[in-house]
Amino acid sequence: MTDWIIGLPTWQLTRILGICAYLLLFAGMAFGILYGYPFVKGKRKPSVYKTHMRLTNGGSLLALLHAAVLVIDTYTPFEWKEILVPFMAHEHPVLYGMGTLSLYGLILLLLTSDFRQKLSKGVWLTIHMLAYPIFMMAMAHGFFAGTDSQLPAIKWMYGATFAITLMLLGGRALIRKPVRRMAS
């Protein structure tokens, strides 16, 4: 069993898991933002919410696997403390620390969402708004620490997901902004 695990293409696996986790988290974030749009109502609202949760849960699971595979990687092995304690990595401690903090942030978001009914709306919303800086840290971690980030397709992926997130947030802010009426 040990030989099989060591024989896995762990470096490729961790890269694939990291990119897939990021894309699922981006899609989950996008659906979370869309959930607040006024045109998402009626039968659509629960469907958008379920999609948001499934994508976010899936991305979180892949992010956990991404971190776990680093421990068994033979190319650049990490110790558990380097993965579990932010900024302790032997290489690029700030960038890898951002990845660790993002993972802890995701776990906090998932747990508080599970206990949403037991928390006050203000507390839950404050914690849930941390999704934005958590997403930005995960993006910075992937873009600057990812070994595939020099590839044009990966650069485009990060740029496109960032731009789409900003557009969705901008659209939501415009829609929610109260219209000022001019005095006659």
Protein backbone atom coordinates (compact mmCIF):
# COMPACT_ATOMS: atom_id res chain seq x y z
CA MET A 1 0.00 0.00 0.00
CA THR A 2 2.82 2.38 0.91
CA ASP A 3 4.58 1.73 -2.41
CA TRP A 4 1.34 2.45 -4.26
CA ILE A 5 0.89 5.76 -2.43
CA ILE A 6 4.52 6.78 -2.95
CA GLY A 7 4.22 5.78 -6.62
CA LEU A 8 1.35 8.19 -7.21
CA PRO A 9 2.13 11.24 -9.34
CA THR A 10 1.70 13.39 -6.24
CA TRP A 11 3.12 16.60 -7.66
CA GLN A 12 0.68 16.47 -10.57
CA LEU A 13 -2.15 15.47 -8.22
CA THR A 14 -1.58 18.40 -5.90
CA ARG A 15 -1.51 20.83 -8.83
CA ILE A 16 -4.69 19.38 -10.33
CA LEU A 17 -6.44 19.33 -6.95
CA GLY A 18 -5.41 22.93 -6.25
CA ILE A 19 -6.64 24.25 -9.59
CA CYS A 20 -9.89 22.25 -9.44
CA ALA A 21 -10.47 23.39 -5.84
CA TYR A 22 -9.96 27.01 -6.88
CA LEU A 23 -12.35 26.69 -9.85
CA LEU A 24 -15.06 25.07 -7.73
CA LEU A 25 -14.64 27.75 -5.06
CA PHE A 26 -14.84 30.45 -7.72
CA ALA A 27 -18.04 28.91 -9.11
CA GLY A 28 -19.44 28.59 -5.58
CA MET A 29 -18.59 32.24 -4.92
CA ALA A 30 -20.26 33.26 -8.18
CA PHE A 31 -23.45 31.40 -7.29
CA GLY A 32 -23.34 32.89 -3.80
CA ILE A 33 -23.18 36.38 -5.28
CA LEU A 34 -25.94 35.55 -7.79
CA TYR A 35 -28.11 34.35 -4.90
CA GLY A 36 -28.37 37.97 -3.78
CA TYR A 37 -29.54 39.25 -7.16
CA PRO A 38 -33.22 40.24 -7.26
CA PHE A 39 -34.00 38.12 -10.33
CA VAL A 40 -33.12 34.97 -8.36
CA LYS A 41 -36.44 34.26 -6.71
CA GLY A 42 -39.17 31.68 -6.54
CA LYS A 43 -38.12 28.18 -7.58
CA ARG A 44 -34.71 29.42 -8.74
CA LYS A 45 -33.59 30.60 -5.31
CA PRO A 46 -33.28 27.15 -3.61
CA SER A 47 -31.63 25.75 -6.73
CA VAL A 48 -29.02 28.53 -6.80
CA TYR A 49 -28.41 28.06 -3.07
CA LYS A 50 -27.95 24.28 -3.43
CA THR A 51 -25.55 24.80 -6.33
CA HIS A 52 -23.63 27.38 -4.29
CA MET A 53 -23.31 24.95 -1.37
CA ARG A 54 -22.37 21.93 -3.50
CA LEU A 55 -19.68 23.83 -5.38
CA THR A 56 -18.27 25.37 -2.20
CA ASN A 57 -18.30 22.05 -0.32
CA GLY A 58 -16.65 20.30 -3.27
CA GLY A 59 -14.01 23.00 -3.57
CA SER A 60 -13.30 22.81 0.15
CA LEU A 61 -12.92 19.02 -0.02
CA LEU A 62 -10.51 19.29 -2.94
CA ALA A 63 -8.56 22.00 -1.09
CA LEU A 64 -8.19 19.65 1.90
CA LEU A 65 -6.97 16.89 -0.42
CA HIS A 66 -4.62 19.37 -2.12
CA ALA A 67 -2.98 20.07 1.26
CA ALA A 68 -2.93 16.42 2.36
CA VAL A 69 -1.22 15.20 -0.81
CA LEU A 70 1.64 17.63 -0.15
CA VAL A 71 2.62 15.54 2.88
CA ILE A 72 3.19 12.39 0.80
CA ASP A 73 4.76 14.21 -2.14
CA THR A 74 8.29 13.04 -2.83
CA TYR A 75 9.20 15.94 -5.15
CA THR A 76 8.77 18.71 -2.55
CA PRO A 77 7.58 17.08 0.65
CA PHE A 78 5.93 19.21 3.30
CA GLU A 79 5.72 18.36 6.97
CA TRP A 80 2.34 18.52 8.71
CA LYS A 81 3.41 21.61 10.68
CA GLU A 82 4.19 23.41 7.40
CA ILE A 83 0.67 22.73 6.20
CA LEU A 84 -1.22 23.19 9.46
CA VAL A 85 0.63 26.19 10.91
CA PRO A 86 0.45 29.30 8.71
CA PHE A 87 3.76 30.79 7.56
CA MET A 88 5.86 27.77 8.64
CA ALA A 89 6.56 26.42 5.14
CA HIS A 90 10.22 25.89 4.26
CA GLU A 91 9.74 27.76 1.00
CA HIS A 92 7.56 30.82 0.26
CA PRO A 93 6.15 30.90 3.82
CA VAL A 94 3.86 33.89 3.16
CA LEU A 95 2.31 32.41 0.01
CA TYR A 96 1.83 28.98 1.53
CA GLY A 97 0.62 30.59 4.76
CA MET A 98 -2.08 32.32 2.73
CA GLY A 99 -3.13 28.91 1.45
CA THR A 100 -3.32 27.55 5.00
CA LEU A 101 -5.33 30.55 6.19
CA SER A 102 -7.66 30.19 3.19
CA LEU A 103 -8.27 26.56 4.10
CA TYR A 104 -9.03 27.46 7.72
CA GLY A 105 -11.32 30.24 6.48
CA LEU A 106 -13.20 27.77 4.28
CA ILE A 107 -13.67 25.44 7.23
CA LEU A 108 -14.98 28.36 9.33
CA LEU A 109 -17.42 29.34 6.56
CA LEU A 110 -18.68 25.79 6.17
CA LEU A 111 -19.14 25.23 9.91
CA THR A 112 -20.90 28.53 10.50
CA SER A 113 -23.15 27.88 7.51
CA ASP A 114 -24.10 24.53 9.03
CA PHE A 115 -24.95 26.30 12.29
CA ARG A 116 -26.55 29.32 10.62
CA GLN A 117 -29.87 28.82 12.40
CA LYS A 118 -28.12 28.89 15.78
CA LEU A 119 -26.21 32.13 15.10
CA SER A 120 -27.62 35.62 14.97
CA LYS A 121 -28.01 36.92 11.43
CA GLY A 122 -25.42 39.67 12.05
CA VAL A 123 -22.78 37.27 13.34
CA TRP A 124 -23.36 34.81 10.52
CA LEU A 125 -23.30 37.54 7.87
CA THR A 126 -20.11 39.07 9.26
CA ILE A 127 -18.38 35.68 9.17
CA HIS A 128 -19.80 34.89 5.74
CA MET A 129 -18.44 38.15 4.32
CA LEU A 130 -14.98 36.77 5.07
CA ALA A 131 -15.53 34.67 1.94
CA TYR A 132 -14.25 37.60 -0.14
CA PRO A 133 -10.82 38.00 1.52
CA ILE A 134 -10.55 34.20 1.81
CA PHE A 135 -11.15 33.89 -1.94
CA MET A 136 -8.58 36.63 -2.64
CA MET A 137 -5.99 34.85 -0.46
CA ALA A 138 -6.68 31.54 -2.20
CA MET A 139 -6.31 33.25 -5.58
CA ALA A 140 -3.04 34.93 -4.57
CA HIS A 141 -1.77 31.62 -3.14
CA GLY A 142 -2.55 29.79 -6.37
CA PHE A 143 -1.31 32.49 -8.72
CA PHE A 144 1.97 33.29 -6.97
CA ALA A 145 2.84 29.90 -5.43
CA GLY A 146 1.40 27.65 -8.12
CA THR A 147 4.01 26.07 -10.34
CA ASP A 148 1.66 26.27 -13.32
CA SER A 149 1.07 30.01 -13.04
CA GLN A 150 3.59 30.83 -15.75
CA LEU A 151 1.36 29.07 -18.28
CA PRO A 152 -0.80 31.49 -20.30
CA ALA A 153 -3.97 29.41 -19.80
CA ILE A 154 -3.54 29.50 -16.01
CA LYS A 155 -2.88 33.25 -16.05
CA TRP A 156 -6.06 33.71 -18.10
CA MET A 157 -7.99 31.49 -15.69
CA TYR A 158 -7.01 33.60 -12.69
CA GLY A 159 -7.60 36.84 -14.58
CA ALA A 160 -11.00 35.74 -15.87
CA THR A 161 -12.22 34.47 -12.50
CA PHE A 162 -11.08 37.69 -10.82
CA ALA A 163 -12.79 39.85 -13.47
CA ILE A 164 -16.02 37.83 -13.35
CA THR A 165 -16.10 38.05 -9.54
CA LEU A 166 -15.61 41.82 -9.68
CA MET A 167 -18.35 42.19 -12.33
CA LEU A 168 -20.80 40.10 -10.30
CA LEU A 169 -20.03 42.10 -7.16
CA GLY A 170 -20.31 45.38 -9.07
CA GLY A 171 -23.63 44.35 -10.57
CA ARG A 172 -24.97 43.35 -7.20
CA ALA A 173 -23.83 46.63 -5.64
CA LEU A 174 -25.50 48.62 -8.43
CA ILE A 175 -28.74 46.69 -8.13
CA ARG A 176 -28.89 47.06 -4.34
CA LYS A 177 -27.97 50.74 -4.32
CA PRO A 178 -31.04 52.87 -3.60
CA VAL A 179 -32.06 55.16 -6.42
CA ARG A 180 -31.88 58.84 -5.44
CA ARG A 181 -34.81 60.88 -6.64
CA MET A 182 -34.35 64.44 -7.64
CA ALA A 183 -36.48 66.99 -5.84
CA SER A 184 -38.96 68.67 -8.12
